[in-house]
Amino acid sequence: NEVDSTHRLSSYLETFERSNTLQVTNIQLDGIAKSDANLMLSEMLGLPLRLTKSLTDAVQARTLGNPLYIHAFMQSLVKEKLLINSVVKKRWIWDIEAIQSISIQGSIAEVLTRKISYIPHDTQE
């Protein structure tokens, strides 16, 4: 589990679990192989497998191959402008050095916490 009891996201999860209006189901999802992750990113970005290899290496290291985490991480890269759709190059481009510098430990929990923080405060309560 990437979120221990001291993590900020833990309090959100506890609130959801105690809620009478929301049913929470925990799902254990194991990581996919790096080749499958590369295929996933290749299809997401509409690029050949050979072009997504370096990105896959960085993403795989930070998500442990969990497909849901890969998706959330990719969304965060777009939001943080580390992955952009270049009009000039007519394809997705990324800053591999900046992506590789993102902390591995807790990166997914941080992504999910940031996503929750974008939800309007009234909705969070």
Foldseek 3Di string as FASTA:
>chain_A
DLDDCPDPVNVLVVVQVPDPVHHDDDDDAAADDLQVLLVVVCVVFVHDSVVCNLVSVLLCLQQVRRVVLSVLVVVVCVVVVQWDQDPVVRTIDGDSVVSNPPDSRSPSVVSVVVVLVPPDPVVSD
